[in-house]
Amino acid sequence: MTTAPDLERLHDQNQKRLQDFLNVELDLCVTFAELAKSEVQAAHAEDLKSRAEQGIKAVKHFVVRVEDSSAKAALERRAAELKRFISASGSETEPRP
């Protein structure tokens, strides 16, 4: 039988892994966005931007499950900054997620 401390520990681990997953997803999106910015072929650049946008959508879908308000705000801020970077395609501004 699972005890209350075990359930709490599992819940905390789940929250940590969720935050780790979302941060890794955003890191991948940054990579896609940076590659799109440097891509010479427009079609390939658009594909990379699309992949970054899909990742942002995934983050927005799962971030609602993050219970730590400061971690949640940081993830939402990174996603918003990355979205602005993608929208400003061709801009000289580097993402700061």
PDB file of N, CA and C in Angstrom:
ATOM      1  N   MET A   1       0.842  -1.181   0.000  1.00  0.00           N
ATOM      2  CA  MET A   1       0.000   0.000   0.000  1.00  0.00           C
ATOM      3  C   MET A   1       0.892   1.251   0.000  1.00  0.00           C
ATOM      4  N   THR A   2       0.505   2.215  -0.786  1.00  0.00           N
ATOM      5  CA  THR A   2       1.258   3.459  -0.886  1.00  0.00           C
ATOM      6  C   THR A   2       0.856   4.390   0.249  1.00  0.00           C
ATOM      7  N   THR A   3       1.852   4.946   0.899  1.00  0.00           N
ATOM      8  CA  THR A   3       1.574   5.842   2.015  1.00  0.00           C
ATOM      9  C   THR A   3       1.520   7.283   1.529  1.00  0.00           C
ATOM     10  N   ALA A   4       0.986   8.151   2.365  1.00  0.00           N
ATOM     11  CA  ALA A   4       0.867   9.567   2.015  1.00  0.00           C
ATOM     12  C   ALA A   4       2.213  10.202   1.684  1.00  0.00           C
ATOM     13  N   PRO A   5       3.275   9.944   2.462  1.00  0.00           N
ATOM     14  CA  PRO A   5       4.582  10.530   2.098  1.00  0.00           C
ATOM     15  C   PRO A   5       5.062  10.028   0.733  1.00  0.00           C
ATOM     16  N   ASP A   6       4.781   8.758   0.412  1.00  0.00           N
ATOM     17  CA  ASP A   6       5.171   8.227  -0.895  1.00  0.00           C
ATOM     18  C   ASP A   6       4.424   8.937  -2.011  1.00  0.00           C
ATOM     19  N   LEU A   7       3.144   9.161  -1.810  1.00  0.00           N
ATOM     20  CA  LEU A   7       2.351   9.854  -2.823  1.00  0.00           C
ATOM     21  C   LEU A   7       2.831  11.291  -2.992  1.00  0.00           C
ATOM     22  N   GLU A   8       3.166  11.929  -1.898  1.00  0.00           N
ATOM     23  CA  GLU A   8       3.665  13.307  -1.969  1.00  0.00           C
ATOM     24  C   GLU A   8       5.000  13.348  -2.712  1.00  0.00           C
ATOM     25  N   ARG A   9       5.871  12.395  -2.417  1.00  0.00           N
ATOM     26  CA  ARG A   9       7.168  12.315  -3.090  1.00  0.00           C
ATOM     27  C   ARG A   9       6.969  12.073  -4.590  1.00  0.00           C
ATOM     28  N   LEU A  10       6.078  11.171  -4.943  1.00  0.00           N
ATOM     29  CA  LEU A  10       5.795  10.900  -6.349  1.00  0.00           C
ATOM     30  C   LEU A  10       5.211  12.125  -7.050  1.00  0.00           C
ATOM     31  N   HIS A  11       4.345  12.824  -6.359  1.00  0.00           N
ATOM     32  CA  HIS A  11       3.755  14.039  -6.915  1.00  0.00           C
ATOM     33  C   HIS A  11       4.837  15.093  -7.162  1.00  0.00           C
ATOM     34  N   ASP A  12       5.728  15.268  -6.191  1.00  0.00           N
ATOM     35  CA  ASP A  12       6.820  16.239  -6.336  1.00  0.00           C
ATOM     36  C   ASP A  12       7.741  15.859  -7.497  1.00  0.00           C
ATOM     37  N   GLN A  13       8.043  14.575  -7.622  1.00  0.00           N
ATOM     38  CA  GLN A  13       8.872  14.104  -8.735  1.00  0.00           C
ATOM     39  C   GLN A  13       8.175  14.351 -10.076  1.00  0.00           C
ATOM     40  N   ASN A  14       6.881  14.108 -10.103  1.00  0.00           N
ATOM     41  CA  ASN A  14       6.105  14.332 -11.325  1.00  0.00           C
ATOM     42  C   ASN A  14       6.146  15.806 -11.721  1.00  0.00           C
ATOM     43  N   GLN A  15       5.982  16.694 -10.771  1.00  0.00           N
ATOM     44  CA  GLN A  15       6.039  18.129 -11.042  1.00  0.00           C
ATOM     45  C   GLN A  15       7.429  18.533 -11.562  1.00  0.00           C
ATOM     46  N   LYS A  16       8.470  18.001 -10.943  1.00  0.00           N
ATOM     47  CA  LYS A  16       9.841  18.300 -11.370  1.00  0.00           C
ATOM     48  C   LYS A  16      10.066  17.815 -12.795  1.00  0.00           C
ATOM     49  N   ARG A  17       9.625  16.623 -13.093  1.00  0.00           N
ATOM     50  CA  ARG A  17       9.815  16.076 -14.447  1.00  0.00           C
ATOM     51  C   ARG A  17       9.003  16.847 -15.476  1.00  0.00           C
ATOM     52  N   LEU A  18       7.823  17.290 -15.105  1.00  0.00           N
ATOM     53  CA  LEU A  18       7.009  18.096 -16.012  1.00  0.00           C
ATOM     54  C   LEU A  18       7.733  19.404 -16.337  1.00  0.00           C
ATOM     55  N   GLN A  19       8.259  20.067 -15.325  1.00  0.00           N
ATOM     56  CA  GLN A  19       8.997  21.313 -15.548  1.00  0.00           C
ATOM     57  C   GLN A  19      10.249  21.067 -16.390  1.00  0.00           C
ATOM     58  N   ASP A  20      10.950  19.973 -16.113  1.00  0.00           N
ATOM     59  CA  ASP A  20      12.132  19.626 -16.915  1.00  0.00           C
ATOM     60  C   ASP A  20      11.739  19.401 -18.373  1.00  0.00           C
ATOM     61  N   PHE A  21      10.662  18.652 -18.594  1.00  0.00           N
ATOM     62  CA  PHE A  21      10.190  18.388 -19.953  1.00  0.00           C
ATOM     63  C   PHE A  21       9.865  19.686 -20.680  1.00  0.00           C
ATOM     64  N   LEU A  22       9.153  20.577 -20.020  1.00  0.00           N
ATOM     65  CA  LEU A  22       8.759  21.829 -20.669  1.00  0.00           C
ATOM     66  C   LEU A  22       9.973  22.706 -20.964  1.00  0.00           C
ATOM     67  N   ASN A  23      10.952  22.720 -20.079  1.00  0.00           N
ATOM     68  CA  ASN A  23      12.178  23.481 -20.341  1.00  0.00           C
ATOM     69  C   ASN A  23      12.963  22.892 -21.511  1.00  0.00           C
ATOM     70  N   VAL A  24      13.036  21.578 -21.579  1.00  0.00           N
ATOM     71  CA  VAL A  24      13.722  20.936 -22.700  1.00  0.00           C
ATOM     72  C   VAL A  24      12.969  21.218 -24.000  1.00  0.00           C
ATOM     73  N   GLU A  25      11.663  21.171 -23.963  1.00  0.00           N
ATOM     74  CA  GLU A  25      10.852  21.470 -25.150  1.00  0.00           C
ATOM     75  C   GLU A  25      11.123  22.895 -25.630  1.00  0.00           C
ATOM     76  N   LEU A  26      11.183  23.836 -24.694  1.00  0.00           N
ATOM     77  CA  LEU A  26      11.482  25.217 -25.074  1.00  0.00           C
ATOM     78  C   LEU A  26      12.906  25.359 -25.607  1.00  0.00           C
ATOM     79  N   ASP A  27      13.847  24.620 -25.026  1.00  0.00           N
ATOM     80  CA  ASP A  27      15.217  24.637 -25.549  1.00  0.00           C
ATOM     81  C   ASP A  27      15.241  24.153 -26.999  1.00  0.00           C
ATOM     82  N   LEU A  28      14.499  23.099 -27.275  1.00  0.00           N
ATOM     83  CA  LEU A  28      14.415  22.582 -28.636  1.00  0.00           C
ATOM     84  C   LEU A  28      13.779  23.609 -29.568  1.00  0.00           C
ATOM     85  N   CYS A  29      12.751  24.278 -29.100  1.00  0.00           N
ATOM     86  CA  CYS A  29      12.100  25.317 -29.899  1.00  0.00           C
ATOM     87  C   CYS A  29      13.066  26.461 -30.212  1.00  0.00           C
ATOM     88  N   VAL A  30      13.889  26.832 -29.256  1.00  0.00           N
ATOM     89  CA  VAL A  30      14.896  27.873 -29.481  1.00  0.00           C
ATOM     90  C   VAL A  30      15.853  27.416 -30.575  1.00  0.00           C
ATOM     91  N   THR A  31      16.264  26.167 -30.514  1.00  0.00           N
ATOM     92  CA  THR A  31      17.157  25.631 -31.532  1.00  0.00           C
ATOM     93  C   THR A  31      16.506  25.708 -32.912  1.00  0.00           C
ATOM     94  N   PHE A  32      15.247  25.278 -33.011  1.00  0.00           N
ATOM     95  CA  PHE A  32      14.530  25.362 -34.288  1.00  0.00           C
ATOM     96  C   PHE A  32      14.462  26.806 -34.781  1.00  0.00           C
ATOM     97  N   ALA A  33      14.137  27.725 -33.880  1.00  0.00           N
ATOM     98  CA  ALA A  33      13.990  29.131 -34.264  1.00  0.00           C
ATOM     99  C   ALA A  33      15.324  29.716 -34.720  1.00  0.00           C
ATOM    100  N   GLU A  34      16.403  29.377 -34.033  1.00  0.00           N
ATOM    101  CA  GLU A  34      17.720  29.883 -34.424  1.00  0.00           C
ATOM    102  C   GLU A  34      18.147  29.294 -35.766  1.00  0.00           C
ATOM    103  N   LEU A  35      17.863  28.022 -35.974  1.00  0.00           N
ATOM    104  CA  LEU A  35      18.178  27.404 -37.264  1.00  0.00           C
ATOM    105  C   LEU A  35      17.361  28.044 -38.383  1.00  0.00           C
ATOM    106  N   ALA A  36      16.091  28.323 -38.106  1.00  0.00           N
ATOM    107  CA  ALA A  36      15.233  28.954 -39.113  1.00  0.00           C
ATOM    108  C   ALA A  36      15.776  30.321 -39.487  1.00  0.00           C
ATOM    109  N   LYS A  37      16.268  31.048 -38.498  1.00  0.00           N
ATOM    110  CA  LYS A  37      16.813  32.382 -38.746  1.00  0.00           C
ATOM    111  C   LYS A  37      18.030  32.326 -39.664  1.00  0.00           C
ATOM    112  N   SER A  38      18.830  31.271 -39.525  1.00  0.00           N
ATOM    113  CA  SER A  38      20.055  31.170 -40.318  1.00  0.00           C
ATOM    114  C   SER A  38      19.866  30.370 -41.607  1.00  0.00           C
ATOM    115  N   GLU A  39      18.687  29.815 -41.811  1.00  0.00           N
ATOM    116  CA  GLU A  39      18.429  28.979 -42.984  1.00  0.00           C
ATOM    117  C   GLU A  39      18.309  29.821 -44.244  1.00  0.00           C
ATOM    118  N   VAL A  40      18.978  29.372 -45.301  1.00  0.00           N
ATOM    119  CA  VAL A  40      18.965  30.081 -46.583  1.00  0.00           C
ATOM    120  C   VAL A  40      17.709  29.737 -47.375  1.00  0.00           C
ATOM    121  N   GLN A  41      17.301  28.485 -47.344  1.00  0.00           N
ATOM    122  CA  GLN A  41      16.129  28.055 -48.105  1.00  0.00           C
ATOM    123  C   GLN A  41      14.860  28.403 -47.335  1.00  0.00           C
ATOM    124  N   ALA A  42      14.010  29.206 -47.949  1.00  0.00           N
ATOM    125  CA  ALA A  42      12.800  29.696 -47.288  1.00  0.00           C
ATOM    126  C   ALA A  42      11.882  28.561 -46.842  1.00  0.00           C
ATOM    127  N   ALA A  43      11.726  27.551 -47.665  1.00  0.00           N
ATOM    128  CA  ALA A  43      10.826  26.440 -47.312  1.00  0.00           C
ATOM    129  C   ALA A  43      11.320  25.719 -46.062  1.00  0.00           C
ATOM    130  N   HIS A  44      12.615  25.510 -45.980  1.00  0.00           N
ATOM    131  CA  HIS A  44      13.167  24.839 -44.809  1.00  0.00           C
ATOM    132  C   HIS A  44      13.051  25.730 -43.574  1.00  0.00           C
ATOM    133  N   ALA A  45      13.264  27.017 -43.754  1.00  0.00           N
ATOM    134  CA  ALA A  45      13.125  27.960 -42.633  1.00  0.00           C
ATOM    135  C   ALA A  45      11.694  27.947 -42.105  1.00  0.00           C
ATOM    136  N   GLU A  46      10.727  27.925 -43.000  1.00  0.00           N
ATOM    137  CA  GLU A  46       9.315  27.890 -42.580  1.00  0.00           C
ATOM    138  C   GLU A  46       8.991  26.604 -41.828  1.00  0.00           C
ATOM    139  N   ASP A  47       9.561  25.487 -42.278  1.00  0.00           N
ATOM    140  CA  ASP A  47       9.353  24.214 -41.587  1.00  0.00           C
ATOM    141  C   ASP A  47       9.919  24.269 -40.176  1.00  0.00           C
ATOM    142  N   LEU A  48      11.100  24.835 -40.033  1.00  0.00           N
ATOM    143  CA  LEU A  48      11.716  24.956 -38.712  1.00  0.00           C
ATOM    144  C   LEU A  48      10.903  25.876 -37.805  1.00  0.00           C
ATOM    145  N   LYS A  49      10.419  26.995 -38.355  1.00  0.00           N
ATOM    146  CA  LYS A  49       9.571  27.904 -37.563  1.00  0.00           C
ATOM    147  C   LYS A  49       8.298  27.189 -37.142  1.00  0.00           C
ATOM    148  N   SER A  50       7.736  26.394 -38.042  1.00  0.00           N
ATOM    149  CA  SER A  50       6.515  25.652 -37.729  1.00  0.00           C
ATOM    150  C   SER A  50       6.752  24.661 -36.589  1.00  0.00           C
ATOM    151  N   ARG A  51       7.892  24.004 -36.620  1.00  0.00           N
ATOM    152  CA  ARG A  51       8.229  23.058 -35.543  1.00  0.00           C
ATOM    153  C   ARG A  51       8.375  23.790 -34.211  1.00  0.00           C
ATOM    154  N   ALA A  52       8.984  24.946 -34.235  1.00  0.00           N
ATOM    155  CA  ALA A  52       9.123  25.737 -33.008  1.00  0.00           C
ATOM    156  C   ALA A  52       7.747  26.145 -32.487  1.00  0.00           C
ATOM    157  N   GLU A  53       6.865  26.563 -33.382  1.00  0.00           N
ATOM    158  CA  GLU A  53       5.514  26.969 -32.978  1.00  0.00           C
ATOM    159  C   GLU A  53       4.722  25.787 -32.418  1.00  0.00           C
ATOM    160  N   GLN A  54       4.906  24.606 -32.999  1.00  0.00           N
ATOM    161  CA  GLN A  54       4.241  23.411 -32.471  1.00  0.00           C
ATOM    162  C   GLN A  54       4.714  23.112 -31.052  1.00  0.00           C
ATOM    163  N   GLY A  55       6.003  23.283 -30.834  1.00  0.00           N
ATOM    164  CA  GLY A  55       6.546  23.064 -29.493  1.00  0.00           C
ATOM    165  C   GLY A  55       5.987  24.054 -28.487  1.00  0.00           C
ATOM    166  N   ILE A  56       5.839  25.299 -28.907  1.00  0.00           N
ATOM    167  CA  ILE A  56       5.258  26.314 -28.020  1.00  0.00           C
ATOM    168  C   ILE A  56       3.823  25.936 -27.666  1.00  0.00           C
ATOM    169  N   LYS A  57       3.079  25.442 -28.642  1.00  0.00           N
ATOM    170  CA  LYS A  57       1.699  24.998 -28.371  1.00  0.00           C
ATOM    171  C   LYS A  57       1.683  23.865 -27.352  1.00  0.00           C
ATOM    172  N   ALA A  58       2.628  22.940 -27.473  1.00  0.00           N
ATOM    173  CA  ALA A  58       2.707  21.835 -26.512  1.00  0.00           C
ATOM    174  C   ALA A  58       3.007  22.363 -25.117  1.00  0.00           C
ATOM    175  N   VAL A  59       3.910  23.323 -25.026  1.00  0.00           N
ATOM    176  CA  VAL A  59       4.244  23.909 -23.724  1.00  0.00           C
ATOM    177  C   VAL A  59       3.013  24.592 -23.129  1.00  0.00           C
ATOM    178  N   LYS A  60       2.301  25.360 -23.944  1.00  0.00           N
ATOM    179  CA  LYS A  60       1.105  26.045 -23.449  1.00  0.00           C
ATOM    180  C   LYS A  60       0.048  25.046 -22.984  1.00  0.00           C
ATOM    181  N   HIS A  61      -0.022  23.900 -23.655  1.00  0.00           N
ATOM    182  CA  HIS A  61      -1.001  22.874 -23.280  1.00  0.00           C
ATOM    183  C   HIS A  61      -0.675  22.281 -21.907  1.00  0.00           C
ATOM    184  N   PHE A  62       0.612  22.006 -21.660  1.00  0.00           N
ATOM    185  CA  PHE A  62       0.999  21.327 -20.431  1.00  0.00           C
ATOM    186  C   PHE A  62       1.353  22.255 -19.277  1.00  0.00           C
ATOM    187  N   VAL A  63       1.658  23.512 -19.553  1.00  0.00           N
ATOM    188  CA  VAL A  63       2.091  24.414 -18.486  1.00  0.00           C
ATOM    189  C   VAL A  63       0.989  24.632 -17.447  1.00  0.00           C
ATOM    190  N   VAL A  64      -0.248  24.446 -17.821  1.00  0.00           N
ATOM    191  CA  VAL A  64      -1.347  24.616 -16.863  1.00  0.00           C
ATOM    192  C   VAL A  64      -1.268  23.598 -15.731  1.00  0.00           C
ATOM    193  N   ARG A  65      -0.521  22.524 -15.941  1.00  0.00           N
ATOM    194  CA  ARG A  65      -0.377  21.485 -14.911  1.00  0.00           C
ATOM    195  C   ARG A  65       0.739  21.788 -13.906  1.00  0.00           C
ATOM    196  N   VAL A  66       1.536  22.808 -14.192  1.00  0.00           N
ATOM    197  CA  VAL A  66       2.626  23.181 -13.282  1.00  0.00           C
ATOM    198  C   VAL A  66       2.016  23.921 -12.090  1.00  0.00           C
ATOM    199  N   GLU A  67       2.285  23.429 -10.905  1.00  0.00           N
ATOM    200  CA  GLU A  67       1.680  23.999  -9.701  1.00  0.00           C
ATOM    201  C   GLU A  67       2.499  25.123  -9.088  1.00  0.00           C
ATOM    202  N   ASP A  68       3.802  25.106  -9.272  1.00  0.00           N
ATOM    203  CA  ASP A  68       4.669  26.151  -8.730  1.00  0.00           C
ATOM    204  C   ASP A  68       4.465  27.411  -9.567  1.00  0.00           C
ATOM    205  N   SER A  69       3.912  28.441  -8.958  1.00  0.00           N
ATOM    206  CA  SER A  69       3.542  29.645  -9.711  1.00  0.00           C
ATOM    207  C   SER A  69       4.752  30.355 -10.322  1.00  0.00           C
ATOM    208  N   SER A  70       5.889  30.366  -9.627  1.00  0.00           N
ATOM    209  CA  SER A  70       7.063  31.032 -10.203  1.00  0.00           C
ATOM    210  C   SER A  70       7.629  30.228 -11.375  1.00  0.00           C
ATOM    211  N   ALA A  71       7.645  28.910 -11.264  1.00  0.00           N
ATOM    212  CA  ALA A  71       8.115  28.067 -12.369  1.00  0.00           C
ATOM    213  C   ALA A  71       7.168  28.187 -13.561  1.00  0.00           C
ATOM    214  N   LYS A  72       5.894  28.215 -13.269  1.00  0.00           N
ATOM    215  CA  LYS A  72       4.887  28.354 -14.327  1.00  0.00           C
ATOM    216  C   LYS A  72       5.056  29.691 -15.047  1.00  0.00           C
ATOM    217  N   ALA A  73       5.239  30.765 -14.288  1.00  0.00           N
ATOM    218  CA  ALA A  73       5.415  32.093 -14.876  1.00  0.00           C
ATOM    219  C   ALA A  73       6.681  32.143 -15.730  1.00  0.00           C
ATOM    220  N   ALA A  74       7.759  31.518 -15.263  1.00  0.00           N
ATOM    221  CA  ALA A  74       9.006  31.506 -16.020  1.00  0.00           C
ATOM    222  C   ALA A  74       8.835  30.761 -17.344  1.00  0.00           C
ATOM    223  N   LEU A  75       8.141  29.641 -17.311  1.00  0.00           N
ATOM    224  CA  LEU A  75       7.888  28.880 -18.534  1.00  0.00           C
ATOM    225  C   LEU A  75       7.015  29.674 -19.505  1.00  0.00           C
ATOM    226  N   GLU A  76       5.986  30.299 -18.984  1.00  0.00           N
ATOM    227  CA  GLU A  76       5.103  31.105 -19.833  1.00  0.00           C
ATOM    228  C   GLU A  76       5.854  32.291 -20.431  1.00  0.00           C
ATOM    229  N   ARG A  77       6.735  32.890 -19.651  1.00  0.00           N
ATOM    230  CA  ARG A  77       7.532  34.017 -20.131  1.00  0.00           C
ATOM    231  C   ARG A  77       8.484  33.569 -21.251  1.00  0.00           C
ATOM    232  N   ARG A  78       9.147  32.442 -21.042  1.00  0.00           N
ATOM    233  CA  ARG A  78      10.037  31.907 -22.089  1.00  0.00           C
ATOM    234  C   ARG A  78       9.265  31.624 -23.368  1.00  0.00           C
ATOM    235  N   ALA A  79       8.088  31.019 -23.237  1.00  0.00           N
ATOM    236  CA  ALA A  79       7.280  30.696 -24.419  1.00  0.00           C
ATOM    237  C   ALA A  79       6.858  31.970 -25.140  1.00  0.00           C
ATOM    238  N   ALA A  80       6.464  32.990 -24.398  1.00  0.00           N
ATOM    239  CA  ALA A  80       6.041  34.257 -25.007  1.00  0.00           C
ATOM    240  C   ALA A  80       7.214  34.947 -25.705  1.00  0.00           C
ATOM    241  N   GLU A  81       8.392  34.948 -25.068  1.00  0.00           N
ATOM    242  CA  GLU A  81       9.575  35.550 -25.685  1.00  0.00           C
ATOM    243  C   GLU A  81       9.952  34.824 -26.969  1.00  0.00           C
ATOM    244  N   LEU A  82       9.865  33.519 -26.939  1.00  0.00           N
ATOM    245  CA  LEU A  82      10.188  32.736 -28.123  1.00  0.00           C
ATOM    246  C   LEU A  82       9.169  32.989 -29.239  1.00  0.00           C
ATOM    247  N   LYS A  83       7.914  33.092 -28.873  1.00  0.00           N
ATOM    248  CA  LYS A  83       6.872  33.384 -29.866  1.00  0.00           C
ATOM    249  C   LYS A  83       7.134  34.740 -30.523  1.00  0.00           C
ATOM    250  N   ARG A  84       7.520  35.736 -29.730  1.00  0.00           N
ATOM    251  CA  ARG A  84       7.845  37.052 -30.285  1.00  0.00           C
ATOM    252  C   ARG A  84       9.048  36.968 -31.221  1.00  0.00           C
ATOM    253  N   PHE A  85      10.051  36.194 -30.840  1.00  0.00           N
ATOM    254  CA  PHE A  85      11.233  36.024 -31.673  1.00  0.00           C
ATOM    255  C   PHE A  85      10.855  35.399 -33.018  1.00  0.00           C
ATOM    256  N   ILE A  86      10.008  34.394 -32.978  1.00  0.00           N
ATOM    257  CA  ILE A  86       9.581  33.724 -34.210  1.00  0.00           C
ATOM    258  C   ILE A  86       8.757  34.676 -35.064  1.00  0.00           C
ATOM    259  N   SER A  87       7.879  35.427 -34.442  1.00  0.00           N
ATOM    260  CA  SER A  87       7.029  36.375 -35.173  1.00  0.00           C
ATOM    261  C   SER A  87       7.842  37.469 -35.839  1.00  0.00           C
ATOM    262  N   ALA A  88       8.960  37.823 -35.225  1.00  0.00           N
ATOM    263  CA  ALA A  88       9.811  38.883 -35.772  1.00  0.00           C
ATOM    264  C   ALA A  88      10.839  38.301 -36.728  1.00  0.00           C
ATOM    265  N   SER A  89      10.516  37.198 -37.361  1.00  0.00           N
ATOM    266  CA  SER A  89      11.467  36.498 -38.235  1.00  0.00           C
ATOM    267  C   SER A  89      12.255  37.485 -39.089  1.00  0.00           C
ATOM    268  N   GLY A  90      13.538  37.271 -39.088  1.00  0.00           N
ATOM    269  CA  GLY A  90      14.413  38.182 -39.811  1.00  0.00           C
ATOM    270  C   GLY A  90      14.984  39.254 -38.915  1.00  0.00           C
ATOM    271  N   SER A  91      14.472  39.356 -37.698  1.00  0.00           N
ATOM    272  CA  SER A  91      14.964  40.353 -36.749  1.00  0.00           C
ATOM    273  C   SER A  91      16.359  39.970 -36.289  1.00  0.00           C
ATOM    274  N   GLU A  92      17.135  40.922 -35.888  1.00  0.00           N
ATOM    275  CA  GLU A  92      18.483  40.670 -35.407  1.00  0.00           C
ATOM    276  C   GLU A  92      18.491  40.332 -33.925  1.00  0.00           C
ATOM    277  N   THR A  93      17.319  40.361 -33.288  1.00  0.00           N
ATOM    278  CA  THR A  93      17.238  40.091 -31.854  1.00  0.00           C
ATOM    279  C   THR A  93      17.386  38.608 -31.593  1.00  0.00           C
ATOM    280  N   GLU A  94      18.269  38.244 -30.697  1.00  0.00           N
ATOM    281  CA  GLU A  94      18.449  36.852 -30.309  1.00  0.00           C
ATOM    282  C   GLU A  94      17.434  36.510 -29.216  1.00  0.00           C
ATOM    283  N   PRO A  95      16.930  35.269 -29.210  1.00  0.00           N
ATOM    284  CA  PRO A  95      15.979  34.884 -28.155  1.00  0.00           C
ATOM    285  C   PRO A  95      16.681  34.818 -26.805  1.00  0.00           C
ATOM    286  N   ARG A  96      15.992  35.183 -25.788  1.00  0.00           N
ATOM    287  CA  ARG A  96      16.521  35.137 -24.431  1.00  0.00           C
ATOM    288  C   ARG A  96      15.611  34.314 -23.530  1.00  0.00           C
ATOM    289  N   PRO A  97      15.192  33.126 -23.973  1.00  0.00           N
ATOM    290  CA  PRO A  97      14.300  32.309 -23.145  1.00  0.00           C
ATOM    291  C   PRO A  97      14.951  31.672 -21.966  1.00  0.00           C
TER     292      PRO A  97
END
